[in-house]
Every structure is written in structure tokens, then in C-alpha cells.
Amino acid sequence: MDPHKTGLTLGYLFAGIHAVWAVLVWGGWAQDFMDFVSRLHFVTTPSRLAPFDLGTAILLVVVAGLIGYCVGAAYAVIRDKVKES
């Protein structure tokens, strides 16, 4: 596996999921979604979402993408090492 390609793939996935979340927050649908998912897991949450902030949303997507890249690249390296042995 190519660590760079695997990292990019997972990075895009992580960033994309978090971009969708940021859009849900921006559109005002995130609280209802979060409450619905919590109820599915038998959890009641007294937490409320903060108002949308573009800078925070961009930071969320970038950090999630970087973490996804690192996790994907590390997975590829570890998988290749394990497969060799």
C-alpha cells in the first residue's frame, strides 16, 4: 500500500464527513440530528451546539483531514510491515 495515497484517501474521508457536519451546523439541522442519534443510542444529552463560526468550521475540516491523513499513512506502513513478516 502506498502510505501517501492511503493517507489522502482517509484524509479526504475524514475531512468530508466533518465538512458535512459543519454544513449541518450552518443550516441549523445539527442539533436535531445529534439529538436523534443520541436517542438511538439510549443517551439523553443536555448539551447544545454553539453558533456556527466559519473559522472554526474551516479549522475542524483541516484538522480532521490531517488526522485522517496521518491515520491512513500509519495504517499503510503498519500493514506493509505486518504483511512482510
N, C-alpha and C. Protein backbone atom coordinates (compact mmCIF):
# COMPACT_ATOMS: atom_id res chain seq x y z
N MET A 1 0.85 -1.19 0.00
CA MET A 1 0.00 0.00 0.00
C MET A 1 0.88 1.24 0.00
N ASP A 2 0.46 2.22 -0.74
CA ASP A 2 1.18 3.49 -0.76
C ASP A 2 0.68 4.35 0.41
N PRO A 3 1.56 4.66 1.37
CA PRO A 3 1.13 5.44 2.53
C PRO A 3 0.54 6.80 2.15
N HIS A 4 1.11 7.44 1.13
CA HIS A 4 0.61 8.76 0.73
C HIS A 4 -0.82 8.65 0.17
N LYS A 5 -1.05 7.70 -0.71
CA LYS A 5 -2.38 7.55 -1.30
C LYS A 5 -3.40 7.12 -0.24
N THR A 6 -3.01 6.22 0.63
CA THR A 6 -3.91 5.78 1.69
C THR A 6 -4.21 6.93 2.64
N GLY A 7 -3.18 7.71 2.96
CA GLY A 7 -3.37 8.88 3.82
C GLY A 7 -4.31 9.90 3.19
N LEU A 8 -4.12 10.16 1.90
CA LEU A 8 -5.01 11.09 1.22
C LEU A 8 -6.46 10.60 1.21
N THR A 9 -6.62 9.31 0.95
CA THR A 9 -7.97 8.75 0.90
C THR A 9 -8.68 8.91 2.25
N LEU A 10 -8.02 8.51 3.31
CA LEU A 10 -8.63 8.63 4.64
C LEU A 10 -8.75 10.10 5.06
N GLY A 11 -7.78 10.91 4.68
CA GLY A 11 -7.85 12.34 4.98
C GLY A 11 -9.04 13.00 4.33
N TYR A 12 -9.28 12.68 3.05
CA TYR A 12 -10.45 13.22 2.36
C TYR A 12 -11.75 12.73 3.00
N LEU A 13 -11.77 11.47 3.39
CA LEU A 13 -12.96 10.92 4.04
C LEU A 13 -13.25 11.65 5.35
N PHE A 14 -12.24 11.76 6.21
CA PHE A 14 -12.41 12.45 7.49
C PHE A 14 -12.84 13.90 7.28
N ALA A 15 -12.15 14.59 6.36
CA ALA A 15 -12.47 16.00 6.10
C ALA A 15 -13.89 16.13 5.54
N GLY A 16 -14.25 15.23 4.65
CA GLY A 16 -15.58 15.28 4.05
C GLY A 16 -16.69 15.09 5.06
N ILE A 17 -16.52 14.13 5.94
CA ILE A 17 -17.53 13.89 6.98
C ILE A 17 -17.67 15.12 7.87
N HIS A 18 -16.56 15.72 8.22
CA HIS A 18 -16.61 16.89 9.10
C HIS A 18 -17.12 18.13 8.35
N ALA A 19 -16.89 18.19 7.05
CA ALA A 19 -17.47 19.28 6.25
C ALA A 19 -18.99 19.16 6.22
N VAL A 20 -19.49 17.94 6.10
CA VAL A 20 -20.94 17.72 6.16
C VAL A 20 -21.48 18.16 7.51
N TRP A 21 -20.77 17.82 8.58
CA TRP A 21 -21.20 18.24 9.92
C TRP A 21 -21.24 19.77 10.01
N ALA A 22 -20.22 20.45 9.48
CA ALA A 22 -20.19 21.90 9.52
C ALA A 22 -21.37 22.49 8.75
N VAL A 23 -21.74 21.89 7.63
CA VAL A 23 -22.90 22.34 6.87
C VAL A 23 -24.18 22.14 7.68
N LEU A 24 -24.28 21.01 8.38
CA LEU A 24 -25.44 20.77 9.23
C LEU A 24 -25.55 21.83 10.32
N VAL A 25 -24.42 22.19 10.92
CA VAL A 25 -24.43 23.24 11.96
C VAL A 25 -24.83 24.57 11.33
N TRP A 26 -24.25 24.90 10.18
CA TRP A 26 -24.55 26.15 9.49
C TRP A 26 -26.04 26.23 9.13
N GLY A 27 -26.60 25.12 8.69
CA GLY A 27 -28.00 25.10 8.29
C GLY A 27 -28.98 25.01 9.44
N GLY A 28 -28.49 24.77 10.64
CA GLY A 28 -29.37 24.67 11.80
C GLY A 28 -29.98 23.29 12.00
N TRP A 29 -29.46 22.27 11.30
CA TRP A 29 -30.01 20.92 11.39
C TRP A 29 -29.21 20.01 12.32
N ALA A 30 -28.06 20.43 12.75
CA ALA A 30 -27.15 19.56 13.51
C ALA A 30 -27.71 19.17 14.87
N GLN A 31 -28.37 20.10 15.55
CA GLN A 31 -28.89 19.79 16.89
C GLN A 31 -29.93 18.68 16.81
N ASP A 32 -30.84 18.79 15.86
CA ASP A 32 -31.86 17.74 15.70
C ASP A 32 -31.22 16.40 15.36
N PHE A 33 -30.22 16.43 14.48
CA PHE A 33 -29.52 15.20 14.10
C PHE A 33 -28.81 14.59 15.30
N MET A 34 -28.12 15.44 16.06
CA MET A 34 -27.39 14.95 17.24
C MET A 34 -28.36 14.37 18.28
N ASP A 35 -29.49 15.02 18.48
CA ASP A 35 -30.50 14.52 19.42
C ASP A 35 -31.05 13.17 18.94
N PHE A 36 -31.32 13.05 17.64
CA PHE A 36 -31.84 11.81 17.07
C PHE A 36 -30.84 10.66 17.26
N VAL A 37 -29.58 10.89 16.93
CA VAL A 37 -28.56 9.84 17.06
C VAL A 37 -28.38 9.47 18.53
N SER A 38 -28.43 10.45 19.41
CA SER A 38 -28.30 10.17 20.84
C SER A 38 -29.44 9.28 21.34
N ARG A 39 -30.66 9.59 20.91
CA ARG A 39 -31.80 8.76 21.30
C ARG A 39 -31.67 7.34 20.78
N LEU A 40 -31.12 7.17 19.58
CA LEU A 40 -30.90 5.83 19.04
C LEU A 40 -29.95 5.01 19.91
N HIS A 41 -29.06 5.71 20.63
CA HIS A 41 -28.09 5.03 21.49
C HIS A 41 -28.51 5.07 22.96
N PHE A 42 -29.78 5.39 23.22
CA PHE A 42 -30.32 5.44 24.57
C PHE A 42 -29.60 6.46 25.45
N VAL A 43 -29.21 7.56 24.85
CA VAL A 43 -28.48 8.62 25.56
C VAL A 43 -29.30 9.89 25.50
N THR A 44 -29.41 10.54 26.65
CA THR A 44 -30.01 11.87 26.66
C THR A 44 -28.90 12.88 26.88
N THR A 45 -28.85 13.87 26.02
CA THR A 45 -27.78 14.85 26.11
C THR A 45 -28.34 16.23 26.44
N PRO A 46 -27.87 16.81 27.50
CA PRO A 46 -28.28 18.18 27.79
C PRO A 46 -27.45 19.20 27.02
N SER A 47 -26.51 18.74 26.19
CA SER A 47 -25.61 19.67 25.51
C SER A 47 -26.30 20.35 24.33
N ARG A 48 -25.87 21.56 24.07
CA ARG A 48 -26.37 22.35 22.94
C ARG A 48 -25.18 22.79 22.11
N LEU A 49 -25.40 22.90 20.82
CA LEU A 49 -24.34 23.29 19.91
C LEU A 49 -24.12 24.80 19.96
N ALA A 50 -22.88 25.19 19.76
CA ALA A 50 -22.55 26.61 19.68
C ALA A 50 -22.98 27.15 18.31
N PRO A 51 -23.14 28.44 18.19
CA PRO A 51 -23.48 29.02 16.90
C PRO A 51 -22.38 28.75 15.87
N PHE A 52 -22.75 28.72 14.60
CA PHE A 52 -21.80 28.46 13.53
C PHE A 52 -20.77 29.58 13.45
N ASP A 53 -19.50 29.18 13.27
CA ASP A 53 -18.41 30.13 13.07
C ASP A 53 -17.56 29.60 11.92
N LEU A 54 -17.40 30.37 10.86
CA LEU A 54 -16.70 29.91 9.67
C LEU A 54 -15.25 29.52 9.97
N GLY A 55 -14.56 30.29 10.78
CA GLY A 55 -13.17 29.97 11.12
C GLY A 55 -13.06 28.64 11.84
N THR A 56 -13.96 28.39 12.77
CA THR A 56 -13.97 27.13 13.49
C THR A 56 -14.30 25.97 12.56
N ALA A 57 -15.23 26.20 11.64
CA ALA A 57 -15.59 25.15 10.68
C ALA A 57 -14.41 24.79 9.78
N ILE A 58 -13.69 25.79 9.30
CA ILE A 58 -12.51 25.53 8.46
C ILE A 58 -11.46 24.78 9.25
N LEU A 59 -11.21 25.20 10.48
CA LEU A 59 -10.24 24.52 11.33
C LEU A 59 -10.65 23.07 11.58
N LEU A 60 -11.93 22.83 11.83
CA LEU A 60 -12.44 21.48 12.04
C LEU A 60 -12.14 20.60 10.84
N VAL A 61 -12.43 21.07 9.64
CA VAL A 61 -12.23 20.28 8.43
C VAL A 61 -10.74 20.03 8.18
N VAL A 62 -9.90 21.04 8.37
CA VAL A 62 -8.46 20.89 8.15
C VAL A 62 -7.85 19.92 9.16
N VAL A 63 -8.17 20.08 10.43
CA VAL A 63 -7.61 19.20 11.46
C VAL A 63 -8.09 17.76 11.25
N ALA A 64 -9.36 17.58 10.93
CA ALA A 64 -9.87 16.23 10.67
C ALA A 64 -9.16 15.62 9.47
N GLY A 65 -8.93 16.40 8.42
CA GLY A 65 -8.21 15.90 7.25
C GLY A 65 -6.78 15.50 7.58
N LEU A 66 -6.11 16.30 8.38
CA LEU A 66 -4.73 15.98 8.77
C LEU A 66 -4.67 14.71 9.63
N ILE A 67 -5.59 14.59 10.54
CA ILE A 67 -5.64 13.38 11.37
C ILE A 67 -5.94 12.17 10.51
N GLY A 68 -6.89 12.29 9.59
CA GLY A 68 -7.20 11.20 8.67
C GLY A 68 -6.00 10.80 7.83
N TYR A 69 -5.25 11.80 7.35
CA TYR A 69 -4.06 11.51 6.56
C TYR A 69 -3.04 10.72 7.40
N CYS A 70 -2.80 11.18 8.61
CA CYS A 70 -1.82 10.51 9.48
C CYS A 70 -2.26 9.08 9.82
N VAL A 71 -3.53 8.90 10.12
CA VAL A 71 -4.03 7.56 10.45
C VAL A 71 -3.92 6.65 9.22
N GLY A 72 -4.29 7.15 8.05
CA GLY A 72 -4.21 6.35 6.83
C GLY A 72 -2.78 5.98 6.46
N ALA A 73 -1.87 6.93 6.55
CA ALA A 73 -0.48 6.66 6.23
C ALA A 73 0.13 5.67 7.23
N ALA A 74 -0.18 5.85 8.50
CA ALA A 74 0.33 4.93 9.52
C ALA A 74 -0.23 3.53 9.29
N TYR A 75 -1.50 3.44 8.96
CA TYR A 75 -2.11 2.13 8.68
C TYR A 75 -1.39 1.44 7.53
N ALA A 76 -1.12 2.17 6.46
CA ALA A 76 -0.46 1.57 5.29
C ALA A 76 0.94 1.07 5.64
N VAL A 77 1.68 1.86 6.40
CA VAL A 77 3.05 1.45 6.80
C VAL A 77 2.98 0.22 7.68
N ILE A 78 2.11 0.22 8.68
CA ILE A 78 2.00 -0.93 9.60
C ILE A 78 1.52 -2.16 8.86
N ARG A 79 0.54 -1.99 7.97
CA ARG A 79 0.03 -3.13 7.20
C ARG A 79 1.13 -3.74 6.34
N ASP A 80 1.93 -2.90 5.70
CA ASP A 80 3.03 -3.42 4.88
C ASP A 80 4.07 -4.15 5.71
N LYS A 81 4.37 -3.63 6.90
CA LYS A 81 5.35 -4.28 7.77
C LYS A 81 4.83 -5.63 8.25
N VAL A 82 3.56 -5.70 8.60
CA VAL A 82 2.96 -6.95 9.06
C VAL A 82 2.89 -7.96 7.92
N LYS A 83 2.56 -7.48 6.75
CA LYS A 83 2.43 -8.36 5.59
C LYS A 83 3.77 -8.95 5.18
N GLU A 84 4.86 -8.21 5.40
CA GLU A 84 6.22 -8.70 5.08
C GLU A 84 6.60 -9.89 5.95
N SER A 85 6.16 -9.88 7.19
CA SER A 85 6.60 -10.92 8.12
C SER A 85 5.77 -12.16 8.08
